[in-house]
Amino acid sequence: MHGAAEGLLEPLRARGVLNEAVLALEAEVTARPGHAEAWRLLGTVQAENDDDLQAIAAMLRALAADPQNMDVLMALGVSHTNELDTG
């Protein structure tokens, strides 16, 4: 992804502070609710935090903003599968 969300995410991810990455991405999607890539990244970080329900919610917002995004569709499938495994 290009732009502010990616710039916020990578240093936090590199330091292993995913909760801070979630906060940064939540701020980004609040400021730009139609930003599909920021929603996708938020979902990705939520999944990395083992919070698949939140990941699914974010990915659904990403999908609404960009219905043809194959990365989002794949991530949704993974998170739904994870929820079936833990459910």
N, C-alpha and C. Protein backbone atom coordinates (compact mmCIF):
# COMPACT_ATOMS: atom_id res chain seq x y z
N MET A 1 0.83 -1.17 0.00
CA MET A 1 0.00 0.00 0.00
C MET A 1 0.88 1.23 0.00
N HIS A 2 0.37 2.28 -0.56
CA HIS A 2 1.11 3.52 -0.61
C HIS A 2 0.39 4.55 0.25
N GLY A 3 1.15 5.37 0.93
CA GLY A 3 0.53 6.46 1.64
C GLY A 3 0.67 6.37 3.14
N ALA A 4 -0.19 7.14 3.80
CA ALA A 4 -0.08 7.34 5.24
C ALA A 4 -0.24 6.06 6.04
N ALA A 5 -1.20 5.22 5.67
CA ALA A 5 -1.43 4.00 6.45
C ALA A 5 -0.22 3.09 6.42
N GLU A 6 0.36 2.92 5.25
CA GLU A 6 1.56 2.07 5.16
C GLU A 6 2.70 2.68 5.95
N GLY A 7 2.86 3.97 5.85
CA GLY A 7 3.92 4.65 6.59
C GLY A 7 3.76 4.51 8.09
N LEU A 8 2.53 4.45 8.56
CA LEU A 8 2.28 4.25 9.99
C LEU A 8 2.50 2.80 10.40
N LEU A 9 2.14 1.89 9.54
CA LEU A 9 2.14 0.48 9.91
C LEU A 9 3.52 -0.14 9.99
N GLU A 10 4.33 0.06 9.00
CA GLU A 10 5.58 -0.70 8.91
C GLU A 10 6.52 -0.50 10.10
N PRO A 11 6.77 0.72 10.57
CA PRO A 11 7.66 0.84 11.74
C PRO A 11 7.09 0.16 12.99
N LEU A 12 5.78 0.23 13.16
CA LEU A 12 5.16 -0.41 14.32
C LEU A 12 5.21 -1.92 14.20
N ARG A 13 4.94 -2.43 13.03
CA ARG A 13 5.00 -3.87 12.79
C ARG A 13 6.42 -4.38 13.01
N ALA A 14 7.40 -3.62 12.53
CA ALA A 14 8.80 -4.02 12.68
C ALA A 14 9.21 -4.10 14.14
N ARG A 15 8.66 -3.21 14.96
CA ARG A 15 8.96 -3.22 16.40
C ARG A 15 8.11 -4.23 17.16
N GLY A 16 7.14 -4.83 16.48
CA GLY A 16 6.31 -5.84 17.13
C GLY A 16 5.23 -5.26 18.03
N VAL A 17 4.84 -4.04 17.79
CA VAL A 17 3.80 -3.42 18.62
C VAL A 17 2.51 -3.31 17.79
N LEU A 18 1.89 -4.46 17.60
CA LEU A 18 0.72 -4.52 16.74
C LEU A 18 -0.46 -3.75 17.31
N ASN A 19 -0.57 -3.65 18.64
CA ASN A 19 -1.68 -2.88 19.22
C ASN A 19 -1.57 -1.41 18.82
N GLU A 20 -0.35 -0.89 18.78
CA GLU A 20 -0.17 0.48 18.32
C GLU A 20 -0.48 0.60 16.84
N ALA A 21 -0.16 -0.43 16.07
CA ALA A 21 -0.49 -0.43 14.65
C ALA A 21 -2.00 -0.40 14.45
N VAL A 22 -2.72 -1.15 15.27
CA VAL A 22 -4.19 -1.13 15.21
C VAL A 22 -4.70 0.27 15.46
N LEU A 23 -4.18 0.93 16.49
CA LEU A 23 -4.63 2.30 16.80
C LEU A 23 -4.34 3.26 15.66
N ALA A 24 -3.16 3.14 15.07
CA ALA A 24 -2.80 4.02 13.96
C ALA A 24 -3.71 3.78 12.76
N LEU A 25 -3.98 2.53 12.46
CA LEU A 25 -4.85 2.22 11.32
C LEU A 25 -6.30 2.59 11.59
N GLU A 26 -6.74 2.44 12.83
CA GLU A 26 -8.09 2.88 13.18
C GLU A 26 -8.23 4.38 12.98
N ALA A 27 -7.20 5.12 13.32
CA ALA A 27 -7.23 6.57 13.09
C ALA A 27 -7.30 6.87 11.59
N GLU A 28 -6.56 6.10 10.81
CA GLU A 28 -6.56 6.30 9.35
C GLU A 28 -7.93 6.02 8.75
N VAL A 29 -8.57 4.92 9.14
CA VAL A 29 -9.88 4.60 8.55
C VAL A 29 -10.97 5.52 9.08
N THR A 30 -10.78 6.08 10.25
CA THR A 30 -11.72 7.08 10.75
C THR A 30 -11.62 8.34 9.92
N ALA A 31 -10.41 8.73 9.59
CA ALA A 31 -10.20 9.93 8.78
C ALA A 31 -10.61 9.70 7.32
N ARG A 32 -10.42 8.47 6.83
CA ARG A 32 -10.70 8.16 5.42
C ARG A 32 -11.47 6.84 5.34
N PRO A 33 -12.76 6.86 5.66
CA PRO A 33 -13.53 5.61 5.76
C PRO A 33 -13.66 4.82 4.46
N GLY A 34 -13.43 5.43 3.34
CA GLY A 34 -13.51 4.72 2.07
C GLY A 34 -12.19 4.17 1.58
N HIS A 35 -11.16 4.24 2.42
CA HIS A 35 -9.81 3.83 2.04
C HIS A 35 -9.67 2.31 2.19
N ALA A 36 -9.91 1.60 1.10
CA ALA A 36 -9.94 0.14 1.13
C ALA A 36 -8.64 -0.47 1.64
N GLU A 37 -7.52 0.08 1.21
CA GLU A 37 -6.24 -0.51 1.60
C GLU A 37 -5.97 -0.34 3.10
N ALA A 38 -6.37 0.76 3.67
CA ALA A 38 -6.22 0.95 5.12
C ALA A 38 -7.09 -0.06 5.87
N TRP A 39 -8.30 -0.29 5.39
CA TRP A 39 -9.16 -1.30 6.02
C TRP A 39 -8.53 -2.68 5.89
N ARG A 40 -7.95 -2.98 4.71
CA ARG A 40 -7.31 -4.28 4.52
C ARG A 40 -6.14 -4.46 5.48
N LEU A 41 -5.34 -3.42 5.61
CA LEU A 41 -4.21 -3.49 6.54
C LEU A 41 -4.68 -3.65 7.98
N LEU A 42 -5.75 -2.93 8.34
CA LEU A 42 -6.29 -3.09 9.70
C LEU A 42 -6.73 -4.53 9.91
N GLY A 43 -7.41 -5.09 8.93
CA GLY A 43 -7.82 -6.49 9.05
C GLY A 43 -6.63 -7.43 9.15
N THR A 44 -5.59 -7.15 8.40
CA THR A 44 -4.39 -7.98 8.44
C THR A 44 -3.74 -7.93 9.82
N VAL A 45 -3.64 -6.74 10.38
CA VAL A 45 -3.04 -6.61 11.72
C VAL A 45 -3.93 -7.28 12.76
N GLN A 46 -5.24 -7.13 12.64
CA GLN A 46 -6.14 -7.80 13.59
C GLN A 46 -5.95 -9.32 13.50
N ALA A 47 -5.81 -9.84 12.29
CA ALA A 47 -5.58 -11.27 12.13
C ALA A 47 -4.24 -11.69 12.76
N GLU A 48 -3.21 -10.86 12.57
CA GLU A 48 -1.91 -11.14 13.19
C GLU A 48 -2.01 -11.14 14.71
N ASN A 49 -2.95 -10.37 15.25
CA ASN A 49 -3.19 -10.32 16.69
C ASN A 49 -4.14 -11.43 17.14
N ASP A 50 -4.46 -12.36 16.23
CA ASP A 50 -5.38 -13.47 16.51
C ASP A 50 -6.78 -13.00 16.88
N ASP A 51 -7.19 -11.88 16.32
CA ASP A 51 -8.55 -11.38 16.53
C ASP A 51 -9.28 -11.45 15.19
N ASP A 52 -9.66 -12.67 14.83
CA ASP A 52 -10.24 -12.88 13.51
C ASP A 52 -11.60 -12.23 13.34
N LEU A 53 -12.38 -12.10 14.41
CA LEU A 53 -13.67 -11.42 14.27
C LEU A 53 -13.48 -9.96 13.88
N GLN A 54 -12.53 -9.29 14.50
CA GLN A 54 -12.23 -7.90 14.13
C GLN A 54 -11.61 -7.83 12.74
N ALA A 55 -10.79 -8.84 12.41
CA ALA A 55 -10.19 -8.89 11.07
C ALA A 55 -11.28 -9.01 10.02
N ILE A 56 -12.25 -9.86 10.26
CA ILE A 56 -13.36 -10.04 9.32
C ILE A 56 -14.14 -8.74 9.16
N ALA A 57 -14.41 -8.06 10.26
CA ALA A 57 -15.16 -6.80 10.19
C ALA A 57 -14.40 -5.77 9.35
N ALA A 58 -13.10 -5.66 9.55
CA ALA A 58 -12.31 -4.71 8.77
C ALA A 58 -12.23 -5.12 7.30
N MET A 59 -12.07 -6.40 7.06
CA MET A 59 -11.99 -6.87 5.68
C MET A 59 -13.30 -6.65 4.94
N LEU A 60 -14.42 -6.79 5.64
CA LEU A 60 -15.71 -6.52 5.00
C LEU A 60 -15.83 -5.06 4.60
N ARG A 61 -15.30 -4.17 5.43
CA ARG A 61 -15.29 -2.74 5.06
C ARG A 61 -14.39 -2.51 3.86
N ALA A 62 -13.24 -3.20 3.82
CA ALA A 62 -12.34 -3.09 2.67
C ALA A 62 -13.03 -3.61 1.41
N LEU A 63 -13.73 -4.71 1.54
CA LEU A 63 -14.42 -5.30 0.40
C LEU A 63 -15.53 -4.38 -0.11
N ALA A 64 -16.23 -3.71 0.80
CA ALA A 64 -17.27 -2.77 0.39
C ALA A 64 -16.67 -1.62 -0.42
N ALA A 65 -15.48 -1.20 -0.03
CA ALA A 65 -14.82 -0.08 -0.73
C ALA A 65 -14.17 -0.53 -2.04
N ASP A 66 -13.76 -1.80 -2.11
CA ASP A 66 -13.09 -2.32 -3.31
C ASP A 66 -13.49 -3.78 -3.51
N PRO A 67 -14.66 -4.01 -4.12
CA PRO A 67 -15.20 -5.37 -4.24
C PRO A 67 -14.36 -6.35 -5.06
N GLN A 68 -13.43 -5.87 -5.84
CA GLN A 68 -12.62 -6.76 -6.67
C GLN A 68 -11.25 -7.06 -6.09
N ASN A 69 -10.99 -6.63 -4.86
CA ASN A 69 -9.67 -6.80 -4.24
C ASN A 69 -9.46 -8.25 -3.83
N MET A 70 -8.62 -8.93 -4.58
CA MET A 70 -8.38 -10.35 -4.33
C MET A 70 -7.65 -10.60 -3.01
N ASP A 71 -6.79 -9.67 -2.60
CA ASP A 71 -6.10 -9.83 -1.31
C ASP A 71 -7.11 -9.82 -0.17
N VAL A 72 -8.11 -8.97 -0.27
CA VAL A 72 -9.16 -8.90 0.76
C VAL A 72 -9.97 -10.19 0.76
N LEU A 73 -10.36 -10.66 -0.41
CA LEU A 73 -11.14 -11.89 -0.49
C LEU A 73 -10.37 -13.07 0.10
N MET A 74 -9.08 -13.16 -0.19
CA MET A 74 -8.26 -14.24 0.36
C MET A 74 -8.16 -14.12 1.88
N ALA A 75 -7.92 -12.92 2.37
CA ALA A 75 -7.79 -12.72 3.82
C ALA A 75 -9.11 -13.03 4.53
N LEU A 76 -10.23 -12.68 3.91
CA LEU A 76 -11.53 -13.02 4.49
C LEU A 76 -11.69 -14.53 4.62
N GLY A 77 -11.29 -15.24 3.59
CA GLY A 77 -11.38 -16.69 3.63
C GLY A 77 -10.53 -17.29 4.75
N VAL A 78 -9.34 -16.76 4.90
CA VAL A 78 -8.44 -17.26 5.96
C VAL A 78 -9.03 -16.98 7.33
N SER A 79 -9.51 -15.76 7.55
CA SER A 79 -10.06 -15.41 8.87
C SER A 79 -11.32 -16.22 9.18
N HIS A 80 -12.17 -16.43 8.18
CA HIS A 80 -13.36 -17.25 8.41
C HIS A 80 -12.96 -18.69 8.74
N THR A 81 -11.96 -19.21 8.06
CA THR A 81 -11.48 -20.57 8.35
C THR A 81 -10.91 -20.64 9.76
N ASN A 82 -10.16 -19.64 10.15
CA ASN A 82 -9.61 -19.61 11.51
C ASN A 82 -10.71 -19.61 12.56
N GLU A 83 -11.78 -18.86 12.29
CA GLU A 83 -12.89 -18.82 13.23
C GLU A 83 -13.58 -20.18 13.32
N LEU A 84 -13.68 -20.89 12.22
CA LEU A 84 -14.26 -22.24 12.25
C LEU A 84 -13.39 -23.17 13.06
N ASP A 85 -12.08 -23.03 12.93
CA ASP A 85 -11.15 -23.90 13.67
C ASP A 85 -11.20 -23.64 15.17
N THR A 86 -11.45 -22.40 15.57
CA THR A 86 -11.45 -22.07 17.00
C THR A 86 -12.86 -22.06 17.58
N GLY A 87 -13.87 -22.01 16.73
CA GLY A 87 -15.26 -21.90 17.18
C GLY A 87 -15.72 -23.15 17.79
